[in-house]
């Protein structure tokens, strides 16, 4: 027997088999919450005559994914799969401590259960515990997992630790398993960006936008590289798309404002910089430094940048190239911060 669960979060449908996320995609038709329609088990209500060839037992429909996994745990408390699935739900909700507890419980039940190791790696990475994340992802790889998330996670951690060549290799392994993974292409683009390999970075980001036209991060990062390459028109278009897809992206909004300022479109600059200021409060010190530099507040920008570098929030090579910091480059204090003569 296998435990199968399907979770709809309002925008995508994810299939879980024994607690492992197998696929996620947008529904190919509208999902309605209606009580006047019948439900068929083992047959498609919209295209009858196609039947499930197998046995189905203990079918239940829940309005919350947590309930489904908790029920699965009650049916077999020794099975690590639903506990790992429960961790996935908590992780998607942003409940890192609860996700960590669920993954750790699943791992203790079966040290060779790779989905729990991948989950642990994702949580540790979000909690800024890169070496714990590295250990978890490496264990999943040693278990010969075929889930590209393990290799993608390795790439993320290697990139964070400045181990660029290993990051490129890990992202490549993820793409071997899932060539159409936009997130892996974005990660690979980030590594090339930090190495100042603009052409390769642009190719990876554009591939990500082709695969997922609604991925705001891909457009934002593509715009950053265009901006750094002085391709102003291309950068303007990509930033516009990024903030259209994610109006809460304070940094892209600030970068867009900076471009409008360079182009002499001061009305658009004022509009976007004001919105960015309202959004930036919860962002990292580095992102705040970029916005203050765009706005011409040199002292505050340098203070924030120094704090960001102390916290290792960004690769130093990118700081030296980031067009958002252009206003600081002539300042001796900036050169001292980035190690330039």
C-alpha atoms as a PDB file:
ATOM      1  CA  UNK A   1       0.000   0.000   0.000  1.00  0.00           C
ATOM      2  CA  UNK A   2       1.000   3.642  -0.534  1.00  0.00           C
ATOM      3  CA  UNK A   3      -0.295   6.816   1.073  1.00  0.00           C
ATOM      4  CA  UNK A   4      -1.284   9.357  -1.596  1.00  0.00           C
ATOM      5  CA  UNK A   5      -2.287  12.955  -0.865  1.00  0.00           C
ATOM      6  CA  UNK A   6      -3.089  15.834  -3.188  1.00  0.00           C
ATOM      7  CA  UNK A   7      -2.831  19.376  -1.796  1.00  0.00           C
ATOM      8  CA  UNK A   8      -4.320  22.436  -3.492  1.00  0.00           C
ATOM      9  CA  UNK A   9      -3.051  25.731  -2.029  1.00  0.00           C
ATOM     10  CA  UNK A  10      -5.169  28.065  -4.134  1.00  0.00           C
ATOM     11  CA  UNK A  11      -2.734  28.310  -7.038  1.00  0.00           C
ATOM     12  CA  UNK A  12      -1.030  24.951  -7.551  1.00  0.00           C
ATOM     13  CA  UNK A  13      -1.721  21.259  -7.026  1.00  0.00           C
ATOM     14  CA  UNK A  14       0.953  19.088  -5.370  1.00  0.00           C
ATOM     15  CA  UNK A  15       0.901  15.289  -5.427  1.00  0.00           C
ATOM     16  CA  UNK A  16       2.462  13.478  -2.461  1.00  0.00           C
ATOM     17  CA  UNK A  17       3.197   9.744  -2.499  1.00  0.00           C
ATOM     18  CA  UNK A  18       4.171   8.353   0.893  1.00  0.00           C
ATOM     19  CA  UNK A  19       4.810  11.904   2.065  1.00  0.00           C
ATOM     20  CA  UNK A  20       7.149  12.771  -0.823  1.00  0.00           C
ATOM     21  CA  UNK A  21       6.216  15.659  -3.089  1.00  0.00           C
ATOM     22  CA  UNK A  22       6.219  14.122  -6.576  1.00  0.00           C
ATOM     23  CA  UNK A  23       5.002  17.024  -8.700  1.00  0.00           C
ATOM     24  CA  UNK A  24       3.492  20.483  -8.464  1.00  0.00           C
ATOM     25  CA  UNK A  25       1.670  22.355 -11.199  1.00  0.00           C
ATOM     26  CA  UNK A  26      -1.155  24.759 -11.828  1.00  0.00           C
ATOM     27  CA  UNK A  27      -4.529  23.008 -12.250  1.00  0.00           C
ATOM     28  CA  UNK A  28      -5.518  22.587 -15.900  1.00  0.00           C
ATOM     29  CA  UNK A  29      -9.099  23.521 -15.089  1.00  0.00           C
ATOM     30  CA  UNK A  30     -10.960  25.596 -12.526  1.00  0.00           C
ATOM     31  CA  UNK A  31     -11.346  24.087  -9.057  1.00  0.00           C
ATOM     32  CA  UNK A  32     -14.766  24.935  -7.655  1.00  0.00           C
ATOM     33  CA  UNK A  33     -15.953  24.653  -4.063  1.00  0.00           C
ATOM     34  CA  UNK A  34     -19.450  23.382  -4.820  1.00  0.00           C
ATOM     35  CA  UNK A  35     -21.668  20.942  -2.945  1.00  0.00           C
ATOM     36  CA  UNK A  36     -24.111  20.104  -5.747  1.00  0.00           C
ATOM     37  CA  UNK A  37     -21.661  18.014  -7.771  1.00  0.00           C
ATOM     38  CA  UNK A  38     -20.934  14.334  -7.335  1.00  0.00           C
ATOM     39  CA  UNK A  39     -17.489  12.932  -6.536  1.00  0.00           C
ATOM     40  CA  UNK A  40     -16.214   9.763  -8.177  1.00  0.00           C
ATOM     41  CA  UNK A  41     -13.403   7.714  -6.629  1.00  0.00           C
ATOM     42  CA  UNK A  42     -11.307   6.008  -9.281  1.00  0.00           C
ATOM     43  CA  UNK A  43     -12.998   7.693 -12.219  1.00  0.00           C
ATOM     44  CA  UNK A  44     -12.958  11.156 -13.783  1.00  0.00           C
ATOM     45  CA  UNK A  45     -16.319  12.879 -13.321  1.00  0.00           C
ATOM     46  CA  UNK A  46     -15.569  15.039 -16.354  1.00  0.00           C
ATOM     47  CA  UNK A  47     -14.605  12.144 -18.631  1.00  0.00           C
ATOM     48  CA  UNK A  48     -16.282   8.940 -17.505  1.00  0.00           C
ATOM     49  CA  UNK A  49     -15.290   5.500 -18.685  1.00  0.00           C
ATOM     50  CA  UNK A  50     -11.643   5.760 -17.565  1.00  0.00           C
ATOM     51  CA  UNK A  51     -11.289   3.709 -14.391  1.00  0.00           C
ATOM     52  CA  UNK A  52      -8.523   3.256 -11.814  1.00  0.00           C
ATOM     53  CA  UNK A  53      -6.954  -0.174 -12.240  1.00  0.00           C
ATOM     54  CA  UNK A  54      -6.088  -1.100  -8.674  1.00  0.00           C
ATOM     55  CA  UNK A  55      -7.279  -1.074  -5.072  1.00  0.00           C
ATOM     56  CA  UNK A  56      -8.180   2.086  -3.138  1.00  0.00           C
ATOM     57  CA  UNK A  57      -8.789   2.099   0.596  1.00  0.00           C
ATOM     58  CA  UNK A  58      -9.530   4.707   3.284  1.00  0.00           C
ATOM     59  CA  UNK A  59     -10.261   7.702   1.042  1.00  0.00           C
ATOM     60  CA  UNK A  60     -10.718  11.001   2.860  1.00  0.00           C
ATOM     61  CA  UNK A  61     -11.070  14.623   1.729  1.00  0.00           C
ATOM     62  CA  UNK A  62      -9.812  17.371   4.048  1.00  0.00           C
ATOM     63  CA  UNK A  63     -10.028  21.126   3.817  1.00  0.00           C
ATOM     64  CA  UNK A  64      -6.514  21.432   5.252  1.00  0.00           C
ATOM     65  CA  UNK A  65      -3.334  19.554   4.320  1.00  0.00           C
ATOM     66  CA  UNK A  66      -2.238  19.412   7.968  1.00  0.00           C
ATOM     67  CA  UNK A  67      -5.270  17.336   8.841  1.00  0.00           C
ATOM     68  CA  UNK A  68      -4.491  14.860   6.067  1.00  0.00           C
ATOM     69  CA  UNK A  69      -0.932  14.211   7.228  1.00  0.00           C
ATOM     70  CA  UNK A  70      -1.911  14.126  10.913  1.00  0.00           C
ATOM     71  CA  UNK A  71      -4.541  11.517  10.082  1.00  0.00           C
ATOM     72  CA  UNK A  72      -1.933   9.502   8.171  1.00  0.00           C
ATOM     73  CA  UNK A  73       0.348   9.644  11.209  1.00  0.00           C
ATOM     74  CA  UNK A  74      -2.441   8.312  13.426  1.00  0.00           C
ATOM     75  CA  UNK A  75      -2.960   5.417  11.018  1.00  0.00           C
ATOM     76  CA  UNK A  76       0.720   4.412  11.158  1.00  0.00           C
ATOM     77  CA  UNK A  77       2.731   6.304  13.800  1.00  0.00           C
ATOM     78  CA  UNK A  78       5.963   4.507  12.776  1.00  0.00           C
ATOM     79  CA  UNK A  79       5.879   5.684   9.165  1.00  0.00           C
ATOM     80  CA  UNK A  80       8.282   8.627   8.560  1.00  0.00           C
ATOM     81  CA  UNK A  81       6.600   9.654   5.283  1.00  0.00           C
ATOM     82  CA  UNK A  82       3.570  11.541   6.652  1.00  0.00           C
ATOM     83  CA  UNK A  83       5.734  13.213   9.306  1.00  0.00           C
ATOM     84  CA  UNK A  84       8.008  14.471   6.560  1.00  0.00           C
ATOM     85  CA  UNK A  85       4.939  15.566   4.605  1.00  0.00           C
ATOM     86  CA  UNK A  86       3.744  17.411   7.694  1.00  0.00           C
ATOM     87  CA  UNK A  87       7.123  19.143   7.763  1.00  0.00           C
ATOM     88  CA  UNK A  88       6.590  20.190   4.126  1.00  0.00           C
ATOM     89  CA  UNK A  89       3.284  21.827   5.010  1.00  0.00           C
ATOM     90  CA  UNK A  90       4.772  23.675   7.994  1.00  0.00           C
ATOM     91  CA  UNK A  91       7.703  24.768   5.821  1.00  0.00           C
ATOM     92  CA  UNK A  92       5.388  26.133   3.134  1.00  0.00           C
ATOM     93  CA  UNK A  93       3.543  28.042   5.857  1.00  0.00           C
ATOM     94  CA  UNK A  94       6.801  29.581   7.086  1.00  0.00           C
ATOM     95  CA  UNK A  95       6.596  27.745  10.433  1.00  0.00           C
ATOM     96  CA  UNK A  96      10.269  26.806  10.548  1.00  0.00           C
ATOM     97  CA  UNK A  97      10.441  25.505  14.113  1.00  0.00           C
ATOM     98  CA  UNK A  98       7.463  23.184  13.621  1.00  0.00           C
ATOM     99  CA  UNK A  99       8.815  22.043  10.265  1.00  0.00           C
ATOM    100  CA  UNK A 100      12.194  21.337  11.849  1.00  0.00           C
ATOM    101  CA  UNK A 101      10.594  19.249  14.594  1.00  0.00           C
ATOM    102  CA  UNK A 102       8.577  17.221  12.059  1.00  0.00           C
ATOM    103  CA  UNK A 103      11.587  16.552   9.818  1.00  0.00           C
ATOM    104  CA  UNK A 104      13.767  15.644  12.801  1.00  0.00           C
ATOM    105  CA  UNK A 105      11.144  13.180  14.049  1.00  0.00           C
ATOM    106  CA  UNK A 106      10.922  11.583  10.600  1.00  0.00           C
ATOM    107  CA  UNK A 107      14.732  11.381  10.415  1.00  0.00           C
ATOM    108  CA  UNK A 108      14.976   9.724  13.828  1.00  0.00           C
ATOM    109  CA  UNK A 109      12.433   7.140  12.733  1.00  0.00           C
ATOM    110  CA  UNK A 110      14.416   6.324   9.594  1.00  0.00           C
ATOM    111  CA  UNK A 111      17.894   7.812   9.099  1.00  0.00           C
ATOM    112  CA  UNK A 112      17.823   6.661   5.479  1.00  0.00           C
ATOM    113  CA  UNK A 113      14.635   8.523   4.571  1.00  0.00           C
ATOM    114  CA  UNK A 114      15.986  11.143   2.165  1.00  0.00           C
ATOM    115  CA  UNK A 115      12.912  13.459   1.956  1.00  0.00           C
ATOM    116  CA  UNK A 116      13.337  14.264   5.660  1.00  0.00           C
ATOM    117  CA  UNK A 117      17.016  15.097   5.076  1.00  0.00           C
ATOM    118  CA  UNK A 118      16.076  17.419   2.208  1.00  0.00           C
ATOM    119  CA  UNK A 119      13.480  19.105   4.393  1.00  0.00           C
ATOM    120  CA  UNK A 120      16.020  19.567   7.176  1.00  0.00           C
ATOM    121  CA  UNK A 121      18.436  21.106   4.700  1.00  0.00           C
ATOM    122  CA  UNK A 122      15.862  23.619   3.488  1.00  0.00           C
ATOM    123  CA  UNK A 123      14.923  24.697   7.011  1.00  0.00           C
ATOM    124  CA  UNK A 124      18.538  24.950   8.180  1.00  0.00           C
ATOM    125  CA  UNK A 125      19.385  27.037   5.123  1.00  0.00           C
ATOM    126  CA  UNK A 126      16.514  29.434   5.827  1.00  0.00           C
ATOM    127  CA  UNK A 127      17.635  29.668   9.462  1.00  0.00           C
ATOM    128  CA  UNK A 128      21.151  30.696   8.327  1.00  0.00           C
ATOM    129  CA  UNK A 129      22.708  27.448   9.546  1.00  0.00           C
ATOM    130  CA  UNK A 130      24.643  26.617   6.361  1.00  0.00           C
ATOM    131  CA  UNK A 131      26.821  23.833   7.749  1.00  0.00           C
ATOM    132  CA  UNK A 132      23.829  21.982   9.204  1.00  0.00           C
ATOM    133  CA  UNK A 133      22.087  22.469   5.852  1.00  0.00           C
ATOM    134  CA  UNK A 134      25.139  21.166   4.007  1.00  0.00           C
ATOM    135  CA  UNK A 135      25.254  18.064   6.187  1.00  0.00           C
ATOM    136  CA  UNK A 136      21.566  17.310   5.589  1.00  0.00           C
ATOM    137  CA  UNK A 137      21.710  17.801   1.813  1.00  0.00           C
ATOM    138  CA  UNK A 138      24.916  15.743   1.534  1.00  0.00           C
ATOM    139  CA  UNK A 139      23.277  12.911   3.459  1.00  0.00           C
ATOM    140  CA  UNK A 140      20.318  12.973   1.065  1.00  0.00           C
ATOM    141  CA  UNK A 141      22.731  12.761  -1.882  1.00  0.00           C
ATOM    142  CA  UNK A 142      24.617   9.844  -0.276  1.00  0.00           C
ATOM    143  CA  UNK A 143      21.259   8.069  -0.006  1.00  0.00           C
ATOM    144  CA  UNK A 144      21.124   8.321  -3.827  1.00  0.00           C
ATOM    145  CA  UNK A 145      18.002  10.461  -3.875  1.00  0.00           C
ATOM    146  CA  UNK A 146      16.586  11.319  -7.290  1.00  0.00           C
ATOM    147  CA  UNK A 147      14.930  14.459  -5.941  1.00  0.00           C
ATOM    148  CA  UNK A 148      16.579  17.484  -7.614  1.00  0.00           C
ATOM    149  CA  UNK A 149      15.798  19.553  -4.502  1.00  0.00           C
ATOM    150  CA  UNK A 150      18.748  17.899  -2.726  1.00  0.00           C
ATOM    151  CA  UNK A 151      21.234  19.017  -5.373  1.00  0.00           C
ATOM    152  CA  UNK A 152      19.566  22.423  -5.725  1.00  0.00           C
ATOM    153  CA  UNK A 153      19.845  22.875  -1.968  1.00  0.00           C
ATOM    154  CA  UNK A 154      23.507  21.893  -2.104  1.00  0.00           C
ATOM    155  CA  UNK A 155      24.012  24.502  -4.797  1.00  0.00           C
ATOM    156  CA  UNK A 156      22.366  27.161  -2.637  1.00  0.00           C
ATOM    157  CA  UNK A 157      24.583  26.372   0.338  1.00  0.00           C
ATOM    158  CA  UNK A 158      27.785  26.138  -1.694  1.00  0.00           C
ATOM    159  CA  UNK A 159      26.965  29.504  -3.281  1.00  0.00           C
ATOM    160  CA  UNK A 160      26.321  31.026   0.151  1.00  0.00           C
ATOM    161  CA  UNK A 161      29.707  29.735   1.337  1.00  0.00           C
ATOM    162  CA  UNK A 162      31.490  31.148  -1.716  1.00  0.00           C
ATOM    163  CA  UNK A 163      32.263  27.692  -3.148  1.00  0.00           C
ATOM    164  CA  UNK A 164      31.254  28.664  -6.670  1.00  0.00           C
ATOM    165  CA  UNK A 165      32.616  25.689  -8.633  1.00  0.00           C
ATOM    166  CA  UNK A 166      30.895  23.201  -6.334  1.00  0.00           C
ATOM    167  CA  UNK A 167      27.681  25.231  -6.600  1.00  0.00           C
ATOM    168  CA  UNK A 168      27.792  25.104 -10.402  1.00  0.00           C
ATOM    169  CA  UNK A 169      28.295  21.330 -10.268  1.00  0.00           C
ATOM    170  CA  UNK A 170      25.406  20.846  -7.821  1.00  0.00           C
ATOM    171  CA  UNK A 171      22.983  22.948  -9.867  1.00  0.00           C
ATOM    172  CA  UNK A 172      24.059  21.027 -12.950  1.00  0.00           C
ATOM    173  CA  UNK A 173      23.216  17.738 -11.222  1.00  0.00           C
ATOM    174  CA  UNK A 174      19.800  19.148 -10.255  1.00  0.00           C
ATOM    175  CA  UNK A 175      19.169  20.090 -13.886  1.00  0.00           C
ATOM    176  CA  UNK A 176      20.206  16.633 -15.063  1.00  0.00           C
ATOM    177  CA  UNK A 177      17.388  15.244 -12.934  1.00  0.00           C
ATOM    178  CA  UNK A 178      14.922  18.005 -13.855  1.00  0.00           C
ATOM    179  CA  UNK A 179      16.047  20.040 -16.892  1.00  0.00           C
ATOM    180  CA  UNK A 180      13.047  22.350 -16.738  1.00  0.00           C
ATOM    181  CA  UNK A 181      13.558  23.484 -13.140  1.00  0.00           C
ATOM    182  CA  UNK A 182      13.456  27.317 -13.177  1.00  0.00           C
ATOM    183  CA  UNK A 183      14.715  27.586  -9.587  1.00  0.00           C
ATOM    184  CA  UNK A 184      17.906  25.671 -10.405  1.00  0.00           C
ATOM    185  CA  UNK A 185      18.476  27.910 -13.422  1.00  0.00           C
ATOM    186  CA  UNK A 186      18.080  30.966 -11.167  1.00  0.00           C
ATOM    187  CA  UNK A 187      20.581  29.535  -8.685  1.00  0.00           C
ATOM    188  CA  UNK A 188      23.058  28.848 -11.477  1.00  0.00           C
ATOM    189  CA  UNK A 189      22.510  32.368 -12.785  1.00  0.00           C
ATOM    190  CA  UNK A 190      23.274  33.775  -9.339  1.00  0.00           C
ATOM    191  CA  UNK A 191      26.623  31.969  -9.251  1.00  0.00           C
ATOM    192  CA  UNK A 192      27.564  33.279 -12.689  1.00  0.00           C
ATOM    193  CA  UNK A 193      26.434  36.765 -11.670  1.00  0.00           C
ATOM    194  CA  UNK A 194      28.692  36.710  -8.621  1.00  0.00           C
ATOM    195  CA  UNK A 195      31.575  35.615 -10.876  1.00  0.00           C
ATOM    196  CA  UNK A 196      30.850  38.550 -13.235  1.00  0.00           C
ATOM    197  CA  UNK A 197      30.038  36.060 -16.002  1.00  0.00           C
ATOM    198  CA  UNK A 198      27.227  38.261 -17.319  1.00  0.00           C
ATOM    199  CA  UNK A 199      26.556  36.356 -20.536  1.00  0.00           C
ATOM    200  CA  UNK A 200      26.130  33.040 -18.750  1.00  0.00           C
ATOM    201  CA  UNK A 201      24.038  34.622 -15.985  1.00  0.00           C
ATOM    202  CA  UNK A 202      21.692  36.265 -18.494  1.00  0.00           C
ATOM    203  CA  UNK A 203      21.260  32.961 -20.331  1.00  0.00           C
ATOM    204  CA  UNK A 204      20.277  31.146 -17.115  1.00  0.00           C
ATOM    205  CA  UNK A 205      17.845  33.845 -15.974  1.00  0.00           C
ATOM    206  CA  UNK A 206      16.224  34.032 -19.413  1.00  0.00           C
ATOM    207  CA  UNK A 207      15.852  30.255 -19.392  1.00  0.00           C
ATOM    208  CA  UNK A 208      14.111  30.548 -16.013  1.00  0.00           C
ATOM    209  CA  UNK A 209      11.698  33.195 -17.347  1.00  0.00           C
ATOM    210  CA  UNK A 210      10.948  30.991 -20.361  1.00  0.00           C
ATOM    211  CA  UNK A 211      10.149  28.055 -18.089  1.00  0.00           C
ATOM    212  CA  UNK A 212       8.189  30.139 -15.580  1.00  0.00           C
ATOM    213  CA  UNK A 213       6.963  33.454 -17.037  1.00  0.00           C
ATOM    214  CA  UNK A 214       5.470  34.398 -13.661  1.00  0.00           C
ATOM    215  CA  UNK A 215       8.698  34.013 -11.684  1.00  0.00           C
ATOM    216  CA  UNK A 216       9.379  37.493 -10.339  1.00  0.00           C
ATOM    217  CA  UNK A 217      12.791  36.548  -8.928  1.00  0.00           C
ATOM    218  CA  UNK A 218      14.050  35.493 -12.355  1.00  0.00           C
ATOM    219  CA  UNK A 219      13.064  38.865 -13.852  1.00  0.00           C
ATOM    220  CA  UNK A 220      14.517  40.796 -10.903  1.00  0.00           C
ATOM    221  CA  UNK A 221      17.882  39.031 -11.105  1.00  0.00           C
ATOM    222  CA  UNK A 222      17.931  39.353 -14.889  1.00  0.00           C
ATOM    223  CA  UNK A 223      17.301  43.082 -14.492  1.00  0.00           C
ATOM    224  CA  UNK A 224      20.186  43.368 -12.004  1.00  0.00           C
ATOM    225  CA  UNK A 225      22.615  41.854 -14.515  1.00  0.00           C
ATOM    226  CA  UNK A 226      21.307  43.999 -17.357  1.00  0.00           C
ATOM    227  CA  UNK A 227      21.739  47.013 -15.089  1.00  0.00           C
ATOM    228  CA  UNK A 228      25.281  46.015 -14.156  1.00  0.00           C
ATOM    229  CA  UNK A 229      26.032  45.522 -17.866  1.00  0.00           C
ATOM    230  CA  UNK A 230      24.700  49.017 -18.616  1.00  0.00           C
ATOM    231  CA  UNK A 231      21.898  47.610 -20.771  1.00  0.00           C
ATOM    232  CA  UNK A 232      19.508  50.228 -19.462  1.00  0.00           C
ATOM    233  CA  UNK A 233      16.552  49.565 -21.768  1.00  0.00           C
ATOM    234  CA  UNK A 234      16.621  45.823 -21.081  1.00  0.00           C
ATOM    235  CA  UNK A 235      17.017  46.440 -17.334  1.00  0.00           C
ATOM    236  CA  UNK A 236      14.065  48.840 -17.312  1.00  0.00           C
ATOM    237  CA  UNK A 237      11.797  46.289 -18.984  1.00  0.00           C
ATOM    238  CA  UNK A 238      12.872  43.460 -16.667  1.00  0.00           C
ATOM    239  CA  UNK A 239      12.441  45.555 -13.503  1.00  0.00           C
ATOM    240  CA  UNK A 240       8.985  46.621 -14.650  1.00  0.00           C
ATOM    241  CA  UNK A 241       8.043  42.973 -15.128  1.00  0.00           C
ATOM    242  CA  UNK A 242       9.497  42.029 -11.741  1.00  0.00           C
ATOM    243  CA  UNK A 243       7.446  44.595  -9.821  1.00  0.00           C
ATOM    244  CA  UNK A 244       4.364  43.798 -11.889  1.00  0.00           C
ATOM    245  CA  UNK A 245       4.634  40.158 -10.802  1.00  0.00           C
ATOM    246  CA  UNK A 246       5.649  41.023  -7.239  1.00  0.00           C
ATOM    247  CA  UNK A 247       4.570  44.537  -6.197  1.00  0.00           C
ATOM    248  CA  UNK A 248       6.113  43.908  -2.741  1.00  0.00           C
ATOM    249  CA  UNK A 249       9.665  43.597  -4.128  1.00  0.00           C
ATOM    250  CA  UNK A 250      11.217  46.652  -2.494  1.00  0.00           C
ATOM    251  CA  UNK A 251      14.698  46.233  -3.971  1.00  0.00           C
ATOM    252  CA  UNK A 252      13.538  45.876  -7.587  1.00  0.00           C
ATOM    253  CA  UNK A 253      11.263  48.835  -7.015  1.00  0.00           C
ATOM    254  CA  UNK A 254      14.228  50.846  -5.711  1.00  0.00           C
ATOM    255  CA  UNK A 255      16.423  49.765  -8.624  1.00  0.00           C
ATOM    256  CA  UNK A 256      13.673  50.776 -11.025  1.00  0.00           C
ATOM    257  CA  UNK A 257      13.542  54.168  -9.314  1.00  0.00           C
ATOM    258  CA  UNK A 258      17.304  54.483  -9.755  1.00  0.00           C
ATOM    259  CA  UNK A 259      16.997  53.867 -13.490  1.00  0.00           C
ATOM    260  CA  UNK A 260      14.268  56.476 -13.820  1.00  0.00           C
ATOM    261  CA  UNK A 261      16.528  58.923 -12.000  1.00  0.00           C
ATOM    262  CA  UNK A 262      19.389  58.196 -14.430  1.00  0.00           C
ATOM    263  CA  UNK A 263      17.000  58.724 -17.347  1.00  0.00           C
ATOM    264  CA  UNK A 264      15.812  62.048 -15.937  1.00  0.00           C
ATOM    265  CA  UNK A 265      12.262  60.808 -15.358  1.00  0.00           C
ATOM    266  CA  UNK A 266      12.013  62.311 -11.892  1.00  0.00           C
ATOM    267  CA  UNK A 267       8.258  61.947 -11.474  1.00  0.00           C
ATOM    268  CA  UNK A 268       8.530  58.179 -11.943  1.00  0.00           C
ATOM    269  CA  UNK A 269      11.592  58.154  -9.685  1.00  0.00           C
ATOM    270  CA  UNK A 270       9.696  59.836  -6.845  1.00  0.00           C
ATOM    271  CA  UNK A 271       6.725  57.517  -7.229  1.00  0.00           C
ATOM    272  CA  UNK A 272       8.745  54.325  -7.082  1.00  0.00           C
ATOM    273  CA  UNK A 273      11.232  55.421  -4.426  1.00  0.00           C
ATOM    274  CA  UNK A 274       8.356  56.324  -2.121  1.00  0.00           C
ATOM    275  CA  UNK A 275       6.770  52.896  -2.561  1.00  0.00           C
ATOM    276  CA  UNK A 276      10.157  51.235  -2.048  1.00  0.00           C
ATOM    277  CA  UNK A 277      10.702  53.123   1.214  1.00  0.00           C
ATOM    278  CA  UNK A 278       7.378  51.860   2.541  1.00  0.00           C
ATOM    279  CA  UNK A 279       8.376  48.279   1.720  1.00  0.00           C
ATOM    280  CA  UNK A 280      12.060  48.236   2.672  1.00  0.00           C
ATOM    281  CA  UNK A 281      11.790  48.243   6.480  1.00  0.00           C
ATOM    282  CA  UNK A 282      11.791  44.441   6.778  1.00  0.00           C
ATOM    283  CA  UNK A 283      14.513  43.883   4.182  1.00  0.00           C
ATOM    284  CA  UNK A 284      18.179  43.046   4.847  1.00  0.00           C
ATOM    285  CA  UNK A 285      20.702  45.762   5.639  1.00  0.00           C
ATOM    286  CA  UNK A 286      22.246  45.272   2.198  1.00  0.00           C
ATOM    287  CA  UNK A 287      18.979  45.933   0.401  1.00  0.00           C
ATOM    288  CA  UNK A 288      18.381  48.964   2.597  1.00  0.00           C
ATOM    289  CA  UNK A 289      21.886  50.216   1.782  1.00  0.00           C
ATOM    290  CA  UNK A 290      21.128  49.928  -1.934  1.00  0.00           C
ATOM    291  CA  UNK A 291      17.950  51.945  -1.568  1.00  0.00           C
ATOM    292  CA  UNK A 292      19.654  54.679   0.452  1.00  0.00           C
ATOM    293  CA  UNK A 293      22.432  54.874  -2.149  1.00  0.00           C
ATOM    294  CA  UNK A 294      19.841  55.269  -4.911  1.00  0.00           C
ATOM    295  CA  UNK A 295      18.146  58.016  -2.899  1.00  0.00           C
ATOM    296  CA  UNK A 296      21.469  59.810  -2.402  1.00  0.00           C
ATOM    297  CA  UNK A 297      21.740  59.234   1.360  1.00  0.00           C
ATOM    298  CA  UNK A 298      25.444  58.388   1.401  1.00  0.00           C
ATOM    299  CA  UNK A 299      26.053  58.296   5.167  1.00  0.00           C
ATOM    300  CA  UNK A 300      23.147  55.988   5.908  1.00  0.00           C
ATOM    301  CA  UNK A 301      23.954  53.809   2.908  1.00  0.00           C
ATOM    302  CA  UNK A 302      27.559  53.309   4.051  1.00  0.00           C
ATOM    303  CA  UNK A 303      26.513  52.480   7.605  1.00  0.00           C
ATOM    304  CA  UNK A 304      24.040  49.878   6.379  1.00  0.00           C
ATOM    305  CA  UNK A 305      26.535  48.461   3.901  1.00  0.00           C
ATOM    306  CA  UNK A 306      29.162  48.024   6.621  1.00  0.00           C
ATOM    307  CA  UNK A 307      26.627  46.115   8.733  1.00  0.00           C
ATOM    308  CA  UNK A 308      25.579  43.977   5.765  1.00  0.00           C
ATOM    309  CA  UNK A 309      29.184  43.020   4.995  1.00  0.00           C
ATOM    310  CA  UNK A 310      29.822  42.187   8.635  1.00  0.00           C
ATOM    311  CA  UNK A 311      26.842  39.817   8.497  1.00  0.00           C
ATOM    312  CA  UNK A 312      28.043  38.302   5.179  1.00  0.00           C
ATOM    313  CA  UNK A 313      24.736  39.054   3.498  1.00  0.00           C
ATOM    314  CA  UNK A 314      26.239  39.327  -0.002  1.00  0.00           C
ATOM    315  CA  UNK A 315      29.263  38.285  -2.023  1.00  0.00           C
ATOM    316  CA  UNK A 316      31.904  41.020  -1.992  1.00  0.00           C
ATOM    317  CA  UNK A 317      32.465  40.797  -5.746  1.00  0.00           C
ATOM    318  CA  UNK A 318      28.826  41.672  -6.385  1.00  0.00           C
ATOM    319  CA  UNK A 319      29.050  44.666  -4.038  1.00  0.00           C
ATOM    320  CA  UNK A 320      31.882  46.003  -6.163  1.00  0.00           C
ATOM    321  CA  UNK A 321      29.703  45.728  -9.278  1.00  0.00           C
ATOM    322  CA  UNK A 322      26.174  46.397  -8.017  1.00  0.00           C
ATOM    323  CA  UNK A 323      24.816  49.362 -10.024  1.00  0.00           C
ATOM    324  CA  UNK A 324      22.533  50.332  -7.139  1.00  0.00           C
ATOM    325  CA  UNK A 325      25.674  51.413  -5.235  1.00  0.00           C
ATOM    326  CA  UNK A 326      27.043  53.546  -8.067  1.00  0.00           C
ATOM    327  CA  UNK A 327      26.657  56.762  -6.042  1.00  0.00           C
ATOM    328  CA  UNK A 328      29.066  55.394  -3.396  1.00  0.00           C
ATOM    329  CA  UNK A 329      31.937  54.306  -5.632  1.00  0.00           C
ATOM    330  CA  UNK A 330      33.870  57.559  -5.447  1.00  0.00           C
ATOM    331  CA  UNK A 331      33.790  57.590  -1.646  1.00  0.00           C
ATOM    332  CA  UNK A 332      37.017  56.446   0.032  1.00  0.00           C
ATOM    333  CA  UNK A 333      34.992  54.721   2.763  1.00  0.00           C
ATOM    334  CA  UNK A 334      33.238  52.554   0.175  1.00  0.00           C
ATOM    335  CA  UNK A 335      36.573  51.557  -1.347  1.00  0.00           C
ATOM    336  CA  UNK A 336      37.857  50.627   2.083  1.00  0.00           C
ATOM    337  CA  UNK A 337      34.765  48.504   2.782  1.00  0.00           C
ATOM    338  CA  UNK A 338      35.123  46.526  -0.453  1.00  0.00           C
ATOM    339  CA  UNK A 339      38.915  46.273  -0.328  1.00  0.00           C
ATOM    340  CA  UNK A 340      39.716  48.526  -3.261  1.00  0.00           C
ATOM    341  CA  UNK A 341      42.753  50.810  -3.383  1.00  0.00           C
END
